[in-house]
Amino acid sequence: MGSIEGILTGFQVAFSIEGVLFVLLGVFVGTFIGMLPGLGPISAIAIMIPITYGMEPTLALVMMAGVYYGAVFGGSTSSILLNAPGISGTVASSFDGYPMAQQGKAGKALAIAALSSFAGGTVSVVLLMIFAPMLANVAISFGPPAYFALMLLGLTAIASLSEGSTIKALISAVVGFMVATIGIDPQTGTARFTFGSTNLLDGIDFLVIALGLFAIAEVCYLVMNRHKSLGGSGKDIGSLKLSKEDAKEMSGPIGRHSILGFILGILPGAGATIASFISYITEKRISKNPDKFGKGYVKGLAAPETSNNAATSGAFVPLLSLGIPGSGTTAVMLGAFLVLGLQPGPMLMGDEPEVFWGIIASMYIGNIFLLILNLPLIPYIARILTIPRPLLISLVIMFSLIGVYAISFSVFDLYLLLAFGVLGFLMRMFAFPAPPFILAFILGGMMEQSFRQSMTISDGNISIFFESNISLVLIILSALSLSFPILKNIWAKKKA
């Protein structure tokens, strides 16, 4: 079956009455799950696996896929309104979304997020339809040296995530690296920095750190400054209408990061979180007004929101074409495939075309449903900001505690959440930026693993990083990325 026939088969499945209903159910549940801090799509899909016993496999998988990208779509809500990321992929959305809400522009921020998410998701689905079979080869070509070079490129942007002192940003990143090394060494199996505690053998979950450094730290800040009036805490949520200037500023990031996010989503292990960070950093690097980022800038919100939704669709390329999960959520999806008696991989497109193309086609319909569901609800969702501050603080703490506990059912993780909350508050008080910490934690483990695998393959020969064209290009880009701020300062001084 050719691609055209496959796409038509997929739309036939997606546009059936059952297909439409299951897509709608999936994106509705996913959006709601995404809005709640801590309750990500992994938990939702894992719970749904036993529920789908006896269901038609295509419809069950269409619904689970809807939960996945629906959660990413809805996860920006709590990031923007409460600075409490609903899922890890929306952490970068809080950098400019939350300041915008504090300025009384919560409605505008949610509208930008919804439109950017829709655009990124739709463009990536079109790319997925066109290039899915051949893009699997791109994912395979990324070996350990290329992954190390890619992670290195991401880390060169740490300075871009700091508004003040670069030294403080680097210190924050080093601490993030240190935290990433806690747990069992994946290569040797030895325990590292666990201090004899069995609770730390599996390391520290990303959500514990994200909710601690952002949500709990914000709660501490609100409590310490309870007499201070915040712009976004009043009843005025601002207009939902976007001006021509807003639309113009959004168009560039949407066009760029729909493609970038999709490409990053294809790479196993990258996912929506890394895609959103890299897109935010890239947009700030190329912007003529980098000082506006972190202060409620339209481009700073549109870029990560476009990218994380585009990456969600891209993550299905290695899953459907190779049977390789590209993220934690798609790893659970792989389990759902196996439970339903299907084996994703190179044979899936030929043996089960209605499943392969049905999932892809359902994403297009799902993105339309998400926009229809979210835009009319923005005025009501934004009313969260009108809740009295004591009650709002209590709700943020409650959802954060429930979200963290639901992951591992460990009381120890709750103590860690509070510890990182205090750390985040202290970092905020002493002007140490949290984003470099988060980025270093995300990339640290994968970077270390890729480096050690490369050294094992080459028997300790460092030249392996320059033998592959992909890794060589990425290393050159990393060097340019590091030198660009220095050259920019020299040029500015000469010009002055």
Protein backbone atom coordinates (compact mmCIF):
# COMPACT_ATOMS: atom_id res chain seq x y z
CA MET A 1 0.00 0.00 0.00
CA GLY A 2 1.38 3.40 -1.02
CA SER A 3 1.46 6.51 1.12
CA ILE A 4 -1.58 8.09 -0.59
CA GLU A 5 -3.71 4.97 -0.12
CA GLY A 6 -2.47 4.69 3.46
CA ILE A 7 -3.37 8.29 4.28
CA LEU A 8 -6.86 7.78 2.82
CA THR A 9 -7.23 4.61 4.91
CA GLY A 10 -6.15 6.57 7.98
CA PHE A 11 -8.69 9.32 7.42
CA GLN A 12 -11.37 6.71 6.83
CA VAL A 13 -10.63 5.33 10.31
CA ALA A 14 -10.30 8.75 11.95
CA PHE A 15 -13.48 10.18 10.40
CA SER A 16 -15.66 7.23 11.35
CA ILE A 17 -18.18 7.89 14.13
CA GLU A 18 -16.25 5.71 16.57
CA GLY A 19 -12.94 7.28 15.54
CA VAL A 20 -14.19 10.84 16.09
CA LEU A 21 -15.69 9.96 19.48
CA PHE A 22 -12.52 8.24 20.73
CA VAL A 23 -10.31 11.09 19.49
CA LEU A 24 -12.57 13.59 21.27
CA LEU A 25 -12.53 11.53 24.46
CA GLY A 26 -8.74 11.18 24.35
CA VAL A 27 -7.97 14.87 23.81
CA PHE A 28 -10.52 15.94 26.44
CA VAL A 29 -9.04 13.64 29.09
CA GLY A 30 -5.52 14.60 28.01
CA THR A 31 -6.21 18.33 28.25
CA PHE A 32 -7.67 17.96 31.73
CA ILE A 33 -4.78 15.73 32.87
CA GLY A 34 -2.23 18.18 31.43
CA MET A 35 -3.72 21.08 33.38
CA LEU A 36 -3.13 19.37 36.72
CA PRO A 37 0.47 19.75 37.95
CA GLY A 38 2.19 16.40 38.09
CA LEU A 39 -0.48 14.22 36.49
CA GLY A 40 1.11 13.71 33.09
CA PRO A 41 0.12 11.55 30.12
CA ILE A 42 2.28 8.62 31.28
CA SER A 43 0.05 7.96 34.27
CA ALA A 44 -3.13 8.46 32.24
CA ILE A 45 -2.10 6.06 29.47
CA ALA A 46 -0.86 3.46 31.97
CA ILE A 47 -4.26 3.56 33.71
CA MET A 48 -6.07 3.22 30.37
CA ILE A 49 -4.19 0.09 29.24
CA PRO A 50 -6.33 -2.35 31.31
CA ILE A 51 -9.46 -0.39 30.37
CA THR A 52 -8.82 -1.04 26.67
CA TYR A 53 -8.94 -4.85 27.01
CA GLY A 54 -11.31 -6.16 24.36
CA MET A 55 -11.44 -2.87 22.46
CA GLU A 56 -10.68 -2.58 18.77
CA PRO A 57 -6.89 -1.90 18.75
CA THR A 58 -6.99 1.04 16.36
CA LEU A 59 -9.62 2.92 18.37
CA ALA A 60 -7.83 2.20 21.66
CA LEU A 61 -4.52 3.53 20.32
CA VAL A 62 -6.18 6.56 18.73
CA MET A 63 -7.64 7.43 22.14
CA MET A 64 -4.28 6.98 23.92
CA ALA A 65 -2.51 9.11 21.33
CA GLY A 66 -5.16 11.80 21.94
CA VAL A 67 -4.40 11.69 25.66
CA TYR A 68 -0.70 12.17 24.90
CA TYR A 69 -0.82 15.24 22.67
CA GLY A 70 -3.88 16.57 24.53
CA ALA A 71 -1.86 16.60 27.77
CA VAL A 72 0.97 18.52 26.09
CA PHE A 73 -1.58 20.96 24.67
CA GLY A 74 -3.25 21.51 28.06
CA GLY A 75 -0.09 21.42 30.16
CA SER A 76 0.67 25.05 29.42
CA THR A 77 -2.35 26.23 31.41
CA SER A 78 -0.92 25.65 34.88
CA SER A 79 2.53 26.81 33.68
CA ILE A 80 1.11 30.13 32.54
CA LEU A 81 -1.39 30.78 35.33
CA LEU A 82 0.36 29.29 38.37
CA ASN A 83 4.01 28.80 37.35
CA ALA A 84 3.36 25.11 38.14
CA PRO A 85 4.19 23.10 34.99
CA GLY A 86 1.46 20.57 34.23
CA ILE A 87 3.99 18.33 32.47
CA SER A 88 7.72 18.54 31.92
CA GLY A 89 7.28 19.62 28.29
CA THR A 90 5.67 22.90 29.36
CA VAL A 91 8.34 24.11 31.79
CA ALA A 92 9.78 26.51 29.19
CA SER A 93 6.30 27.94 28.58
CA SER A 94 6.31 29.39 32.09
CA PHE A 95 9.39 31.55 31.40
CA ASP A 96 7.32 34.15 29.53
CA GLY A 97 3.78 32.85 30.02
CA TYR A 98 3.71 33.38 33.78
CA PRO A 99 5.12 36.93 33.65
CA MET A 100 2.47 37.70 31.03
CA ALA A 101 -0.26 36.45 33.37
CA GLN A 102 1.19 38.55 36.21
CA GLN A 103 0.86 41.60 33.96
CA GLY A 104 -2.90 41.01 33.65
CA LYS A 105 -2.63 39.34 30.22
CA ALA A 106 -3.59 35.80 31.19
CA GLY A 107 -6.24 35.57 28.46
CA LYS A 108 -3.77 36.69 25.81
CA ALA A 109 -1.11 34.26 27.05
CA LEU A 110 -3.52 31.31 26.93
CA ALA A 111 -4.70 32.33 23.45
CA ILE A 112 -1.09 32.51 22.19
CA ALA A 113 -0.37 29.10 23.72
CA ALA A 114 -3.49 27.54 22.17
CA LEU A 115 -2.87 28.93 18.68
CA SER A 116 0.85 28.10 18.75
CA SER A 117 0.14 24.57 19.97
CA PHE A 118 -2.45 24.05 17.24
CA ALA A 119 -0.10 25.35 14.54
CA GLY A 120 2.85 23.27 15.74
CA GLY A 121 0.76 20.14 16.08
CA THR A 122 -0.91 20.54 12.69
CA VAL A 123 2.30 21.27 10.76
CA SER A 124 4.06 18.32 12.39
CA VAL A 125 1.17 15.97 11.52
CA VAL A 126 1.42 17.02 7.88
CA LEU A 127 5.18 16.39 7.97
CA LEU A 128 4.52 13.07 9.69
CA MET A 129 2.15 12.00 6.90
CA ILE A 130 4.64 12.94 4.19
CA PHE A 131 7.93 11.81 5.69
CA ALA A 132 7.14 9.14 8.32
CA PRO A 133 8.49 6.13 6.39
CA MET A 134 11.79 7.78 5.38
CA LEU A 135 12.38 9.72 8.61
CA ALA A 136 12.93 6.50 10.50
CA ASN A 137 16.34 6.30 8.83
CA VAL A 138 17.23 9.73 10.22
CA ALA A 139 16.58 8.52 13.75
CA ILE A 140 18.74 5.44 13.20
CA SER A 141 21.67 7.52 11.93
CA PHE A 142 22.05 9.25 15.32
CA GLY A 143 24.57 7.10 17.17
CA PRO A 144 26.10 7.86 20.61
CA PRO A 145 28.67 10.41 19.24
CA ALA A 146 25.92 12.36 17.47
CA TYR A 147 23.73 12.30 20.59
CA PHE A 148 26.61 13.61 22.69
CA ALA A 149 27.21 16.41 20.18
CA LEU A 150 23.48 17.26 20.18
CA MET A 151 23.40 17.44 23.99
CA LEU A 152 26.57 19.57 23.90
CA LEU A 153 24.88 21.97 21.51
CA GLY A 154 21.97 22.29 23.91
CA LEU A 155 24.26 23.00 26.85
CA THR A 156 26.12 25.79 25.05
CA ALA A 157 22.97 27.85 25.45
CA ILE A 158 23.05 27.88 29.26
CA ALA A 159 24.25 31.48 29.24
CA SER A 160 21.21 32.39 27.14
CA LEU A 161 18.91 31.20 29.93
CA SER A 162 20.29 33.69 32.43
CA GLU A 163 19.10 37.26 32.75
CA GLY A 164 21.86 38.34 35.10
CA SER A 165 25.24 36.91 35.99
CA THR A 166 26.62 34.23 33.66
CA ILE A 167 28.68 32.88 36.58
CA LYS A 168 25.49 32.28 38.58
CA ALA A 169 23.94 30.56 35.56
CA LEU A 170 26.94 28.23 35.29
CA ILE A 171 26.84 27.48 39.03
CA SER A 172 23.15 26.64 38.68
CA ALA A 173 23.95 24.32 35.76
CA VAL A 174 26.75 22.56 37.66
CA VAL A 175 24.36 21.83 40.54
CA GLY A 176 21.88 20.48 37.99
CA PHE A 177 24.58 18.17 36.63
CA MET A 178 25.40 16.97 40.14
CA VAL A 179 21.76 16.12 40.84
CA ALA A 180 21.53 14.26 37.50
CA THR A 181 24.31 11.85 38.59
CA ILE A 182 22.43 10.66 41.68
CA GLY A 183 21.33 7.02 41.51
CA ILE A 184 22.51 3.79 39.88
CA ASP A 185 25.22 4.23 37.28
CA PRO A 186 23.56 2.88 34.10
CA GLN A 187 26.86 1.48 32.76
CA THR A 188 28.53 -0.05 35.82
CA GLY A 189 25.51 -0.63 38.07
CA THR A 190 27.13 1.03 41.09
CA ALA A 191 25.30 3.46 43.35
CA ARG A 192 26.39 7.11 43.12
CA PHE A 193 25.74 9.85 45.69
CA THR A 194 22.88 7.98 47.33
CA PHE A 195 24.43 8.24 50.84
CA GLY A 196 23.19 4.74 51.60
CA SER A 197 19.54 5.60 50.92
CA THR A 198 17.59 3.08 48.83
CA ASN A 199 15.13 5.87 47.93
CA LEU A 200 17.77 7.53 45.76
CA LEU A 201 18.83 4.43 43.80
CA ASP A 202 16.52 5.34 40.91
CA GLY A 203 17.66 8.95 40.94
CA ILE A 204 15.37 11.96 41.34
CA ASP A 205 12.34 12.30 39.09
CA PHE A 206 12.27 15.33 36.82
CA LEU A 207 8.79 16.32 37.95
CA VAL A 208 9.93 16.53 41.58
CA ILE A 209 12.57 19.06 40.56
CA ALA A 210 10.36 21.02 38.16
CA LEU A 211 7.47 21.40 40.60
CA GLY A 212 9.87 22.16 43.45
CA LEU A 213 11.91 24.84 41.66
CA PHE A 214 8.87 26.50 40.11
CA ALA A 215 5.56 25.73 41.87
CA ILE A 216 6.68 25.33 45.50
CA ALA A 217 9.27 28.10 45.12
CA GLU A 218 6.52 30.38 43.80
CA VAL A 219 4.33 29.46 46.78
CA CYS A 220 7.20 30.40 49.13
CA TYR A 221 7.62 33.70 47.29
CA LEU A 222 3.88 34.48 47.50
CA VAL A 223 3.83 33.68 51.23
CA MET A 224 6.89 35.86 51.90
CA ASN A 225 5.38 38.69 49.85
CA ARG A 226 1.75 38.20 50.82
CA HIS A 227 1.14 41.95 51.23
CA LYS A 228 2.53 42.71 47.78
CA SER A 229 -0.02 43.10 44.98
CA LEU A 230 0.60 41.03 41.84
CA GLY A 231 -0.67 42.23 38.46
CA GLY A 232 -2.16 38.92 37.47
CA SER A 233 -4.03 38.20 40.69
CA GLY A 234 -6.88 40.54 40.04
CA LYS A 235 -10.15 39.91 38.24
CA ASP A 236 -8.95 41.41 34.96
CA ILE A 237 -7.60 38.58 32.83
CA GLY A 238 -7.08 40.82 29.84
CA SER A 239 -8.41 40.47 26.32
CA LEU A 240 -8.15 37.25 24.34
CA LYS A 241 -7.79 39.20 21.10
CA LEU A 242 -4.38 39.28 19.49
CA SER A 243 -3.25 42.39 17.65
CA LYS A 244 -1.65 42.40 14.22
CA GLU A 245 1.68 42.97 15.95
CA ASP A 246 1.15 39.89 18.12
CA ALA A 247 0.25 37.79 15.07
CA LYS A 248 3.33 39.06 13.26
CA GLU A 249 5.59 38.20 16.21
CA MET A 250 4.06 34.73 16.49
CA SER A 251 4.35 33.84 12.81
CA GLY A 252 8.16 33.56 12.78
CA PRO A 253 8.51 31.27 15.84
CA ILE A 254 5.59 29.11 14.68
CA GLY A 255 7.12 28.58 11.24
CA ARG A 256 10.61 27.85 12.58
CA HIS A 257 9.81 25.72 15.57
CA SER A 258 7.10 23.58 13.99
CA ILE A 259 9.88 22.07 11.90
CA LEU A 260 12.60 22.15 14.59
CA GLY A 261 10.30 20.59 17.20
CA PHE A 262 9.24 17.85 14.79
CA ILE A 263 12.86 17.00 13.95
CA LEU A 264 13.85 16.89 17.64
CA GLY A 265 10.79 14.77 18.41
CA ILE A 266 11.98 12.15 15.93
CA LEU A 267 15.17 11.55 17.91
CA PRO A 268 14.66 8.79 20.51
CA GLY A 269 15.14 10.25 23.97
CA ALA A 270 14.76 13.90 22.99
CA GLY A 271 11.01 14.51 23.25
CA ALA A 272 8.88 17.56 23.95
CA THR A 273 10.87 18.76 26.98
CA ILE A 274 14.21 19.11 25.20
CA ALA A 275 12.48 20.43 22.07
CA SER A 276 10.77 23.22 24.02
CA PHE A 277 14.01 24.27 25.75
CA ILE A 278 16.07 24.25 22.56
CA SER A 279 13.39 26.22 20.70
CA TYR A 280 13.21 28.81 23.47
CA ILE A 281 16.99 29.15 23.50
CA THR A 282 17.22 29.31 19.72
CA GLU A 283 14.52 31.97 19.48
CA LYS A 284 16.27 34.07 22.12
CA ARG A 285 19.62 33.70 20.36
CA ILE A 286 18.31 34.89 16.98
CA SER A 287 16.04 37.60 18.38
CA LYS A 288 16.81 41.26 17.88
CA ASN A 289 15.34 41.88 21.36
CA PRO A 290 16.77 39.14 23.64
CA ASP A 291 16.26 41.35 26.70
CA LYS A 292 12.48 40.99 26.35
CA PHE A 293 12.60 37.24 26.99
CA GLY A 294 11.56 36.19 30.47
CA LYS A 295 9.42 39.30 30.88
CA GLY A 296 6.24 38.26 29.09
CA TYR A 297 7.40 38.29 25.47
CA VAL A 298 5.11 36.84 22.79
CA LYS A 299 7.94 35.03 20.98
CA GLY A 300 9.18 33.54 24.26
CA LEU A 301 5.82 31.82 24.73
CA ALA A 302 5.04 30.95 21.10
CA ALA A 303 8.38 29.20 20.46
CA PRO A 304 8.25 26.48 23.18
CA GLU A 305 4.51 25.96 22.80
CA THR A 306 4.88 25.36 19.07
CA SER A 307 7.88 23.11 19.52
CA ASN A 308 6.60 20.83 22.28
CA ASN A 309 3.42 20.01 20.35
CA ALA A 310 5.37 19.45 17.14
CA ALA A 311 7.77 17.14 19.01
CA THR A 312 4.85 15.10 20.31
CA SER A 313 3.87 14.13 16.78
CA GLY A 314 7.50 13.59 15.83
CA ALA A 315 7.92 11.12 18.70
CA PHE A 316 5.56 8.74 16.92
CA VAL A 317 8.03 8.32 14.02
CA PRO A 318 10.51 6.04 15.86
CA LEU A 319 7.65 4.31 17.71
CA LEU A 320 5.57 3.43 14.63
CA SER A 321 8.40 2.95 12.13
CA LEU A 322 11.09 1.30 14.30
CA GLY A 323 9.31 0.14 17.44
CA ILE A 324 11.65 2.39 19.47
CA PRO A 325 10.00 4.64 22.07
CA GLY A 326 11.19 8.22 21.75
CA SER A 327 10.04 9.31 25.22
CA GLY A 328 8.66 7.97 28.47
CA THR A 329 5.11 8.36 27.24
CA THR A 330 5.75 6.52 23.97
CA ALA A 331 7.46 3.78 26.00
CA VAL A 332 4.13 3.23 27.77
CA MET A 333 2.43 3.44 24.37
CA LEU A 334 4.74 0.64 23.19
CA GLY A 335 3.45 -1.47 26.07
CA ALA A 336 -0.11 -0.67 25.00
CA PHE A 337 0.70 -1.87 21.46
CA LEU A 338 2.02 -5.17 22.79
CA VAL A 339 -0.94 -5.67 25.13
CA LEU A 340 -3.29 -5.15 22.17
CA GLY A 341 -1.38 -7.75 20.16
CA LEU A 342 0.45 -5.38 17.81
CA GLN A 343 4.18 -5.07 17.16
CA PRO A 344 5.20 -1.54 16.08
CA GLY A 345 8.12 -1.44 13.69
CA PRO A 346 9.01 -1.66 10.01
CA MET A 347 6.26 -4.23 9.33
CA LEU A 348 3.45 -2.27 10.96
CA MET A 349 2.79 0.02 7.98
CA GLY A 350 2.38 -2.95 5.64
CA ASP A 351 0.64 -5.40 7.97
CA GLU A 352 -1.63 -2.98 9.86
CA PRO A 353 -2.03 0.14 7.66
CA GLU A 354 -5.27 1.15 9.37
CA VAL A 355 -3.40 1.33 12.71
CA PHE A 356 -0.31 3.13 11.36
CA TRP A 357 -2.16 5.70 9.29
CA GLY A 358 -5.23 5.84 11.55
CA ILE A 359 -3.14 7.14 14.48
CA ILE A 360 -1.46 9.74 12.25
CA ALA A 361 -4.74 10.93 10.69
CA SER A 362 -6.43 11.11 14.11
CA MET A 363 -3.82 13.64 15.25
CA TYR A 364 -5.00 16.12 12.63
CA ILE A 365 -8.61 15.84 13.84
CA GLY A 366 -7.43 15.88 17.46
CA ASN A 367 -5.60 19.18 17.02
CA ILE A 368 -8.75 20.76 15.61
CA PHE A 369 -10.76 19.45 18.56
CA LEU A 370 -8.16 20.81 20.98
CA LEU A 371 -8.42 24.29 19.51
CA ILE A 372 -12.23 24.18 19.58
CA LEU A 373 -12.23 22.94 23.17
CA ASN A 374 -9.59 25.31 24.53
CA LEU A 375 -10.25 28.72 22.96
CA PRO A 376 -13.87 29.10 24.22
CA LEU A 377 -12.82 27.92 27.69
CA ILE A 378 -9.96 30.41 28.11
CA PRO A 379 -12.06 33.07 29.94
CA TYR A 380 -13.20 30.42 32.43
CA ILE A 381 -9.81 28.73 32.80
CA ALA A 382 -8.13 32.08 33.44
CA ARG A 383 -10.52 32.70 36.33
CA ILE A 384 -8.16 30.55 38.36
CA LEU A 385 -6.31 33.80 38.96
CA THR A 386 -9.35 35.31 40.69
CA ILE A 387 -9.25 32.65 43.42
CA PRO A 388 -8.22 34.22 46.77
CA ARG A 389 -4.50 33.91 47.28
CA PRO A 390 -4.60 31.69 50.42
CA LEU A 391 -6.88 29.20 48.65
CA LEU A 392 -4.81 29.35 45.45
CA ILE A 393 -1.61 28.63 47.38
CA SER A 394 -3.30 25.68 49.09
CA LEU A 395 -4.49 24.27 45.75
CA VAL A 396 -1.02 24.58 44.18
CA ILE A 397 0.56 22.75 47.13
CA MET A 398 -2.14 20.07 47.10
CA PHE A 399 -1.90 19.36 43.36
CA SER A 400 1.90 19.36 43.50
CA LEU A 401 1.94 16.87 46.37
CA ILE A 402 -0.67 14.63 44.71
CA GLY A 403 1.12 14.78 41.36
CA VAL A 404 4.49 13.78 42.84
CA TYR A 405 3.05 11.08 45.07
CA ALA A 406 1.07 9.57 42.18
CA ILE A 407 4.30 8.90 40.27
CA SER A 408 6.09 6.69 42.80
CA PHE A 409 3.81 6.50 45.87
CA SER A 410 6.86 7.49 47.89
CA VAL A 411 6.70 9.82 50.88
CA PHE A 412 10.43 10.42 50.41
CA ASP A 413 9.67 12.16 47.08
CA LEU A 414 7.40 14.57 48.95
CA TYR A 415 10.30 15.55 51.20
CA LEU A 416 12.44 16.01 48.09
CA LEU A 417 9.72 18.20 46.57
CA LEU A 418 9.78 20.47 49.61
CA ALA A 419 13.59 20.51 49.62
CA PHE A 420 13.75 21.60 45.99
CA GLY A 421 11.02 24.15 46.72
CA VAL A 422 13.20 25.75 49.39
CA LEU A 423 16.21 25.54 47.05
CA GLY A 424 14.20 27.23 44.29
CA PHE A 425 13.11 30.00 46.64
CA LEU A 426 16.70 30.62 47.76
CA MET A 427 17.87 30.64 44.15
CA ARG A 428 15.22 33.23 43.36
CA MET A 429 16.17 35.35 46.36
CA PHE A 430 19.87 35.36 45.43
CA ALA A 431 19.27 35.70 41.66
CA PHE A 432 20.44 32.24 40.63
CA PRO A 433 18.39 31.29 37.52
CA ALA A 434 16.47 28.01 37.66
CA PRO A 435 16.30 27.23 33.88
CA PRO A 436 20.03 26.34 33.58
CA PHE A 437 19.58 23.91 36.49
CA ILE A 438 16.65 22.26 34.72
CA LEU A 439 18.41 22.10 31.34
CA ALA A 440 21.60 20.62 32.83
CA PHE A 441 19.57 18.01 34.73
CA ILE A 442 17.67 16.99 31.59
CA LEU A 443 20.71 16.76 29.35
CA GLY A 444 23.25 15.62 31.93
CA GLY A 445 22.28 11.95 32.15
CA MET A 446 21.88 11.47 28.40
CA MET A 447 25.09 13.36 27.68
CA GLU A 448 27.10 11.25 30.13
CA GLN A 449 25.66 8.01 28.79
CA SER A 450 26.31 8.96 25.15
CA PHE A 451 29.89 10.01 25.96
CA ARG A 452 30.68 6.77 27.78
CA GLN A 453 29.11 4.65 25.04
CA SER A 454 31.18 6.52 22.45
CA MET A 455 34.37 5.95 24.45
CA THR A 456 33.56 2.25 24.80
CA ILE A 457 32.95 1.91 21.06
CA SER A 458 36.18 3.73 20.14
CA ASP A 459 38.28 2.15 22.92
CA GLY A 460 38.90 5.58 24.42
CA ASN A 461 39.70 7.39 21.17
CA ILE A 462 38.26 10.92 21.28
CA SER A 463 38.39 11.20 17.49
CA ILE A 464 35.13 9.25 17.23
CA PHE A 465 33.26 12.53 17.72
CA PHE A 466 34.77 13.92 14.52
CA GLU A 467 34.36 10.86 12.30
CA SER A 468 30.60 11.21 11.78
CA ASN A 469 29.39 14.09 9.63
CA ILE A 470 26.41 14.61 11.92
CA SER A 471 28.44 14.85 15.14
CA LEU A 472 31.09 17.00 13.42
CA VAL A 473 28.51 19.53 12.24
CA LEU A 474 26.87 19.63 15.68
CA ILE A 475 30.24 20.19 17.41
CA ILE A 476 31.04 23.03 15.01
CA LEU A 477 27.64 24.57 15.75
CA SER A 478 28.37 24.21 19.49
CA ALA A 479 31.67 26.07 19.06
CA LEU A 480 29.93 28.82 17.11
CA SER A 481 27.20 29.00 19.73
CA LEU A 482 29.80 29.43 22.49
CA SER A 483 31.78 32.05 20.60
CA PHE A 484 28.80 34.04 19.34
CA PRO A 485 28.13 35.96 22.62
CA ILE A 486 31.85 36.77 22.96
CA LEU A 487 32.12 37.98 19.37
CA LYS A 488 28.89 39.92 19.80
CA ASN A 489 30.28 41.77 22.83
CA ILE A 490 33.56 42.52 21.04
CA TRP A 491 31.64 43.85 18.03
CA ALA A 492 29.42 46.00 20.29
CA LYS A 493 32.47 47.48 22.02
CA LYS A 494 34.16 48.26 18.70
CA LYS A 495 30.97 49.81 17.40
CA ALA A 496 30.67 51.93 20.55
